[in-house]
Amino acid sequence: MSNVARLPASDHMTVEQALDYTKKDGLTEVLIIGHDADGDLIIRSSHLSRKDALWLLEQGKLHTLGLDV
């Protein structure tokens, strides 16, 4: 599968629905960014160094802006 930024089908998607939606994609690395109930920023990842997480964020930003390289 090519690198695709998928936006939710609805802006009312729950956390569980969003996570379930990605399970079929066979992801090997994940970066999760969100807010908890107190509004605090939470960042979690699997098998990613901080450098790789930053690179993934930048790739996502470029793709979202339509500036794929």
PDB file of N, CA and C in Angstrom:
ATOM      1  N   MET A   1       0.846  -1.177   0.000  1.00  0.00           N
ATOM      2  CA  MET A   1       0.000   0.000   0.000  1.00  0.00           C
ATOM      3  C   MET A   1       0.890   1.237   0.000  1.00  0.00           C
ATOM      4  N   SER A   2       0.505   2.218  -0.786  1.00  0.00           N
ATOM      5  CA  SER A   2       1.272   3.461  -0.817  1.00  0.00           C
ATOM      6  C   SER A   2       1.018   4.254   0.452  1.00  0.00           C
ATOM      7  N   ASN A   3       1.863   5.210   0.709  1.00  0.00           N
ATOM      8  CA  ASN A   3       1.686   6.053   1.888  1.00  0.00           C
ATOM      9  C   ASN A   3       0.461   6.928   1.694  1.00  0.00           C
ATOM     10  N   VAL A   4      -0.530   6.732   2.534  1.00  0.00           N
ATOM     11  CA  VAL A   4      -1.784   7.457   2.402  1.00  0.00           C
ATOM     12  C   VAL A   4      -2.168   8.007   3.762  1.00  0.00           C
ATOM     13  N   ALA A   5      -2.522   9.270   3.802  1.00  0.00           N
ATOM     14  CA  ALA A   5      -3.063   9.851   5.030  1.00  0.00           C
ATOM     15  C   ALA A   5      -4.575   9.751   4.925  1.00  0.00           C
ATOM     16  N   ARG A   6      -5.157   8.899   5.737  1.00  0.00           N
ATOM     17  CA  ARG A   6      -6.601   8.725   5.714  1.00  0.00           C
ATOM     18  C   ARG A   6      -7.228   9.574   6.802  1.00  0.00           C
ATOM     19  N   LEU A   7      -8.188  10.342   6.411  1.00  0.00           N
ATOM     20  CA  LEU A   7      -8.940  11.103   7.386  1.00  0.00           C
ATOM     21  C   LEU A   7     -10.172  10.291   7.749  1.00  0.00           C
ATOM     22  N   PRO A   8     -10.679  10.448   8.960  1.00  0.00           N
ATOM     23  CA  PRO A   8     -11.825   9.642   9.362  1.00  0.00           C
ATOM     24  C   PRO A   8     -13.048   9.932   8.499  1.00  0.00           C
ATOM     25  N   ALA A   9     -13.886   8.914   8.362  1.00  0.00           N
ATOM     26  CA  ALA A   9     -15.118   9.077   7.596  1.00  0.00           C
ATOM     27  C   ALA A   9     -16.036  10.098   8.266  1.00  0.00           C
ATOM     28  N   SER A  10     -15.843  10.282   9.548  1.00  0.00           N
ATOM     29  CA  SER A  10     -16.674  11.202  10.307  1.00  0.00           C
ATOM     30  C   SER A  10     -15.818  11.895  11.354  1.00  0.00           C
ATOM     31  N   ASP A  11     -16.131  13.136  11.647  1.00  0.00           N
ATOM     32  CA  ASP A  11     -15.378  13.812  12.711  1.00  0.00           C
ATOM     33  C   ASP A  11     -15.917  13.429  14.090  1.00  0.00           C
ATOM     34  N   HIS A  12     -16.803  12.448  14.111  1.00  0.00           N
ATOM     35  CA  HIS A  12     -17.350  11.943  15.374  1.00  0.00           C
ATOM     36  C   HIS A  12     -16.834  10.541  15.683  1.00  0.00           C
ATOM     37  N   MET A  13     -15.791  10.093  14.955  1.00  0.00           N
ATOM     38  CA  MET A  13     -15.228   8.764  15.165  1.00  0.00           C
ATOM     39  C   MET A  13     -14.620   8.691  16.564  1.00  0.00           C
ATOM     40  N   THR A  14     -14.875   7.583  17.256  1.00  0.00           N
ATOM     41  CA  THR A  14     -14.304   7.397  18.593  1.00  0.00           C
ATOM     42  C   THR A  14     -12.859   6.929  18.483  1.00  0.00           C
ATOM     43  N   VAL A  15     -12.140   6.984  19.590  1.00  0.00           N
ATOM     44  CA  VAL A  15     -10.762   6.491  19.634  1.00  0.00           C
ATOM     45  C   VAL A  15     -10.743   5.014  19.239  1.00  0.00           C
ATOM     46  N   GLU A  16     -11.661   4.230  19.790  1.00  0.00           N
ATOM     47  CA  GLU A  16     -11.717   2.800  19.490  1.00  0.00           C
ATOM     48  C   GLU A  16     -11.958   2.560  17.996  1.00  0.00           C
ATOM     49  N   GLN A  17     -12.860   3.313  17.395  1.00  0.00           N
ATOM     50  CA  GLN A  17     -13.135   3.161  15.969  1.00  0.00           C
ATOM     51  C   GLN A  17     -11.900   3.505  15.132  1.00  0.00           C
ATOM     52  N   ALA A  18     -11.204   4.567  15.502  1.00  0.00           N
ATOM     53  CA  ALA A  18     -10.005   4.966  14.761  1.00  0.00           C
ATOM     54  C   ALA A  18      -8.927   3.888  14.849  1.00  0.00           C
ATOM     55  N   LEU A  19      -8.726   3.322  16.034  1.00  0.00           N
ATOM     56  CA  LEU A  19      -7.721   2.273  16.197  1.00  0.00           C
ATOM     57  C   LEU A  19      -8.128   1.005  15.457  1.00  0.00           C
ATOM     58  N   ASP A  20      -9.395   0.625  15.537  1.00  0.00           N
ATOM     59  CA  ASP A  20      -9.880  -0.557  14.829  1.00  0.00           C
ATOM     60  C   ASP A  20      -9.716  -0.387  13.326  1.00  0.00           C
ATOM     61  N   TYR A  21      -9.923   0.808  12.832  1.00  0.00           N
ATOM     62  CA  TYR A  21      -9.836   1.105  11.411  1.00  0.00           C
ATOM     63  C   TYR A  21      -8.441   0.818  10.859  1.00  0.00           C
ATOM     64  N   THR A  22      -7.421   1.011  11.682  1.00  0.00           N
ATOM     65  CA  THR A  22      -6.044   0.834  11.217  1.00  0.00           C
ATOM     66  C   THR A  22      -5.549  -0.602  11.340  1.00  0.00           C
ATOM     67  N   LYS A  23      -6.237  -1.449  12.093  1.00  0.00           N
ATOM     68  CA  LYS A  23      -5.750  -2.809  12.333  1.00  0.00           C
ATOM     69  C   LYS A  23      -5.596  -3.604  11.052  1.00  0.00           C
ATOM     70  N   LYS A  24      -6.458  -3.395  10.075  1.00  0.00           N
ATOM     71  CA  LYS A  24      -6.402  -4.171   8.833  1.00  0.00           C
ATOM     72  C   LYS A  24      -5.243  -3.756   7.931  1.00  0.00           C
ATOM     73  N   ASP A  25      -4.609  -2.629   8.216  1.00  0.00           N
ATOM     74  CA  ASP A  25      -3.535  -2.122   7.361  1.00  0.00           C
ATOM     75  C   ASP A  25      -2.200  -2.825   7.577  1.00  0.00           C
ATOM     76  N   GLY A  26      -2.071  -3.652   8.611  1.00  0.00           N
ATOM     77  CA  GLY A  26      -0.821  -4.370   8.856  1.00  0.00           C
ATOM     78  C   GLY A  26       0.344  -3.457   9.170  1.00  0.00           C
ATOM     79  N   LEU A  27       0.119  -2.443   9.969  1.00  0.00           N
ATOM     80  CA  LEU A  27       1.166  -1.481  10.296  1.00  0.00           C
ATOM     81  C   LEU A  27       2.309  -2.140  11.062  1.00  0.00           C
ATOM     82  N   THR A  28       3.526  -1.720  10.777  1.00  0.00           N
ATOM     83  CA  THR A  28       4.695  -2.237  11.490  1.00  0.00           C
ATOM     84  C   THR A  28       5.222  -1.249  12.514  1.00  0.00           C
ATOM     85  N   GLU A  29       4.893   0.014  12.338  1.00  0.00           N
ATOM     86  CA  GLU A  29       5.275   1.065  13.286  1.00  0.00           C
ATOM     87  C   GLU A  29       4.097   2.005  13.437  1.00  0.00           C
ATOM     88  N   VAL A  30       3.893   2.489  14.653  1.00  0.00           N
ATOM     89  CA  VAL A  30       2.802   3.432  14.884  1.00  0.00           C
ATOM     90  C   VAL A  30       3.258   4.597  15.736  1.00  0.00           C
ATOM     91  N   LEU A  31       2.655   5.742  15.465  1.00  0.00           N
ATOM     92  CA  LEU A  31       2.861   6.943  16.250  1.00  0.00           C
ATOM     93  C   LEU A  31       1.473   7.474  16.572  1.00  0.00           C
ATOM     94  N   ILE A  32       1.171   7.575  17.848  1.00  0.00           N
ATOM     95  CA  ILE A  32      -0.148   8.016  18.287  1.00  0.00           C
ATOM     96  C   ILE A  32       0.010   9.342  19.017  1.00  0.00           C
ATOM     97  N   ILE A  33      -0.777  10.324  18.603  1.00  0.00           N
ATOM     98  CA  ILE A  33      -0.753  11.639  19.228  1.00  0.00           C
ATOM     99  C   ILE A  33      -2.183  12.005  19.580  1.00  0.00           C
ATOM    100  N   GLY A  34      -2.408  12.391  20.796  1.00  0.00           N
ATOM    101  CA  GLY A  34      -3.760  12.756  21.192  1.00  0.00           C
ATOM    102  C   GLY A  34      -3.763  13.520  22.489  1.00  0.00           C
ATOM    103  N   HIS A  35      -4.955  13.804  22.943  1.00  0.00           N
ATOM    104  CA  HIS A  35      -5.155  14.486  24.219  1.00  0.00           C
ATOM    105  C   HIS A  35      -5.930  13.572  25.148  1.00  0.00           C
ATOM    106  N   ASP A  36      -5.575  13.580  26.419  1.00  0.00           N
ATOM    107  CA  ASP A  36      -6.331  12.800  27.390  1.00  0.00           C
ATOM    108  C   ASP A  36      -7.503  13.635  27.911  1.00  0.00           C
ATOM    109  N   ALA A  37      -8.233  13.083  28.864  1.00  0.00           N
ATOM    110  CA  ALA A  37      -9.428  13.742  29.383  1.00  0.00           C
ATOM    111  C   ALA A  37      -9.111  15.093  30.031  1.00  0.00           C
ATOM    112  N   ASP A  38      -7.872  15.277  30.489  1.00  0.00           N
ATOM    113  CA  ASP A  38      -7.467  16.548  31.100  1.00  0.00           C
ATOM    114  C   ASP A  38      -6.946  17.546  30.080  1.00  0.00           C
ATOM    115  N   GLY A  39      -6.877  17.137  28.812  1.00  0.00           N
ATOM    116  CA  GLY A  39      -6.372  18.019  27.767  1.00  0.00           C
ATOM    117  C   GLY A  39      -4.865  17.977  27.607  1.00  0.00           C
ATOM    118  N   ASP A  40      -4.207  17.051  28.313  1.00  0.00           N
ATOM    119  CA  ASP A  40      -2.751  16.923  28.203  1.00  0.00           C
ATOM    120  C   ASP A  40      -2.379  16.183  26.925  1.00  0.00           C
ATOM    121  N   LEU A  41      -1.298  16.606  26.289  1.00  0.00           N
ATOM    122  CA  LEU A  41      -0.799  15.968  25.080  1.00  0.00           C
ATOM    123  C   LEU A  41      -0.174  14.622  25.433  1.00  0.00           C
ATOM    124  N   ILE A  42      -0.580  13.576  24.707  1.00  0.00           N
ATOM    125  CA  ILE A  42      -0.053  12.230  24.915  1.00  0.00           C
ATOM    126  C   ILE A  42       0.542  11.754  23.596  1.00  0.00           C
ATOM    127  N   ILE A  43       1.777  11.261  23.641  1.00  0.00           N
ATOM    128  CA  ILE A  43       2.446  10.732  22.455  1.00  0.00           C
ATOM    129  C   ILE A  43       2.977   9.349  22.810  1.00  0.00           C
ATOM    130  N   ARG A  44       2.623   8.370  21.979  1.00  0.00           N
ATOM    131  CA  ARG A  44       3.097   7.004  22.163  1.00  0.00           C
ATOM    132  C   ARG A  44       3.552   6.479  20.810  1.00  0.00           C
ATOM    133  N   SER A  45       4.528   5.588  20.833  1.00  0.00           N
ATOM    134  CA  SER A  45       4.982   4.989  19.585  1.00  0.00           C
ATOM    135  C   SER A  45       5.459   3.572  19.842  1.00  0.00           C
ATOM    136  N   SER A  46       5.594   2.824  18.756  1.00  0.00           N
ATOM    137  CA  SER A  46       6.155   1.484  18.846  1.00  0.00           C
ATOM    138  C   SER A  46       7.328   1.396  17.883  1.00  0.00           C
ATOM    139  N   HIS A  47       8.426   0.902  18.362  1.00  0.00           N
ATOM    140  CA  HIS A  47       9.619   0.672  17.532  1.00  0.00           C
ATOM    141  C   HIS A  47      10.094   1.927  16.803  1.00  0.00           C
ATOM    142  N   LEU A  48       9.910   3.089  17.396  1.00  0.00           N
ATOM    143  CA  LEU A  48      10.353   4.330  16.768  1.00  0.00           C
ATOM    144  C   LEU A  48      11.276   5.086  17.713  1.00  0.00           C
ATOM    145  N   SER A  49      12.413   5.517  17.168  1.00  0.00           N
ATOM    146  CA  SER A  49      13.254   6.436  17.931  1.00  0.00           C
ATOM    147  C   SER A  49      12.630   7.826  17.817  1.00  0.00           C
ATOM    148  N   ARG A  50      13.077   8.749  18.604  1.00  0.00           N
ATOM    149  CA  ARG A  50      12.561  10.122  18.498  1.00  0.00           C
ATOM    150  C   ARG A  50      12.846  10.704  17.123  1.00  0.00           C
ATOM    151  N   LYS A  51      14.013  10.382  16.581  1.00  0.00           N
ATOM    152  CA  LYS A  51      14.375  10.855  15.241  1.00  0.00           C
ATOM    153  C   LYS A  51      13.394  10.313  14.199  1.00  0.00           C
ATOM    154  N   ASP A  52      13.094   9.016  14.268  1.00  0.00           N
ATOM    155  CA  ASP A  52      12.174   8.412  13.305  1.00  0.00           C
ATOM    156  C   ASP A  52      10.744   8.923  13.493  1.00  0.00           C
ATOM    157  N   ALA A  53      10.350   9.177  14.735  1.00  0.00           N
ATOM    158  CA  ALA A  53       9.016   9.724  14.995  1.00  0.00           C
ATOM    159  C   ALA A  53       8.892  11.124  14.389  1.00  0.00           C
ATOM    160  N   LEU A  54       9.930  11.930  14.530  1.00  0.00           N
ATOM    161  CA  LEU A  54       9.923  13.266  13.949  1.00  0.00           C
ATOM    162  C   LEU A  54       9.857  13.190  12.428  1.00  0.00           C
ATOM    163  N   TRP A  55      10.610  12.272  11.828  1.00  0.00           N
ATOM    164  CA  TRP A  55      10.585  12.105  10.377  1.00  0.00           C
ATOM    165  C   TRP A  55       9.172  11.703   9.924  1.00  0.00           C
ATOM    166  N   LEU A  56       8.535  10.792  10.653  1.00  0.00           N
ATOM    167  CA  LEU A  56       7.188  10.352  10.313  1.00  0.00           C
ATOM    168  C   LEU A  56       6.196  11.507  10.412  1.00  0.00           C
ATOM    169  N   LEU A  57       6.330  12.327  11.445  1.00  0.00           N
ATOM    170  CA  LEU A  57       5.465  13.505  11.577  1.00  0.00           C
ATOM    171  C   LEU A  57       5.644  14.463  10.408  1.00  0.00           C
ATOM    172  N   GLU A  58       6.886  14.697  10.022  1.00  0.00           N
ATOM    173  CA  GLU A  58       7.155  15.602   8.900  1.00  0.00           C
ATOM    174  C   GLU A  58       6.600  15.051   7.594  1.00  0.00           C
ATOM    175  N   GLN A  59       6.729  13.741   7.385  1.00  0.00           N
ATOM    176  CA  GLN A  59       6.169  13.127   6.178  1.00  0.00           C
ATOM    177  C   GLN A  59       4.646  13.276   6.169  1.00  0.00           C
ATOM    178  N   GLY A  60       4.012  13.076   7.322  1.00  0.00           N
ATOM    179  CA  GLY A  60       2.569  13.247   7.419  1.00  0.00           C
ATOM    180  C   GLY A  60       2.148  14.675   7.155  1.00  0.00           C
ATOM    181  N   LYS A  61       2.933  15.626   7.662  1.00  0.00           N
ATOM    182  CA  LYS A  61       2.622  17.037   7.439  1.00  0.00           C
ATOM    183  C   LYS A  61       2.708  17.380   5.958  1.00  0.00           C
ATOM    184  N   LEU A  62       3.784  16.947   5.313  1.00  0.00           N
ATOM    185  CA  LEU A  62       3.953  17.232   3.884  1.00  0.00           C
ATOM    186  C   LEU A  62       2.837  16.605   3.053  1.00  0.00           C
ATOM    187  N   HIS A  63       2.476  15.369   3.391  1.00  0.00           N
ATOM    188  CA  HIS A  63       1.408  14.700   2.652  1.00  0.00           C
ATOM    189  C   HIS A  63       0.076  15.423   2.834  1.00  0.00           C
ATOM    190  N   THR A  64      -0.212  15.833   4.056  1.00  0.00           N
ATOM    191  CA  THR A  64      -1.459  16.537   4.339  1.00  0.00           C
ATOM    192  C   THR A  64      -1.522  17.871   3.604  1.00  0.00           C
ATOM    193  N   LEU A  65      -0.382  18.540   3.458  1.00  0.00           N
ATOM    194  CA  LEU A  65      -0.332  19.816   2.744  1.00  0.00           C
ATOM    195  C   LEU A  65      -0.262  19.625   1.237  1.00  0.00           C
ATOM    196  N   GLY A  66      -0.205  18.370   0.774  1.00  0.00           N
ATOM    197  CA  GLY A  66      -0.120  18.107  -0.666  1.00  0.00           C
ATOM    198  C   GLY A  66       1.259  18.362  -1.229  1.00  0.00           C
ATOM    199  N   LEU A  67       2.280  18.297  -0.394  1.00  0.00           N
ATOM    200  CA  LEU A  67       3.657  18.579  -0.813  1.00  0.00           C
ATOM    201  C   LEU A  67       4.520  17.317  -0.782  1.00  0.00           C
ATOM    202  N   ASP A  68       3.944  16.185  -1.172  1.00  0.00           N
ATOM    203  CA  ASP A  68       4.697  14.929  -1.144  1.00  0.00           C
ATOM    204  C   ASP A  68       5.980  15.042  -1.937  1.00  0.00           C
ATOM    205  N   VAL A  69       7.042  14.469  -1.372  1.00  0.00           N
ATOM    206  CA  VAL A  69       8.330  14.469  -2.058  1.00  0.00           C
ATOM    207  C   VAL A  69       8.695  13.075  -2.486  1.00  0.00           C
TER     208      VAL A  69
END
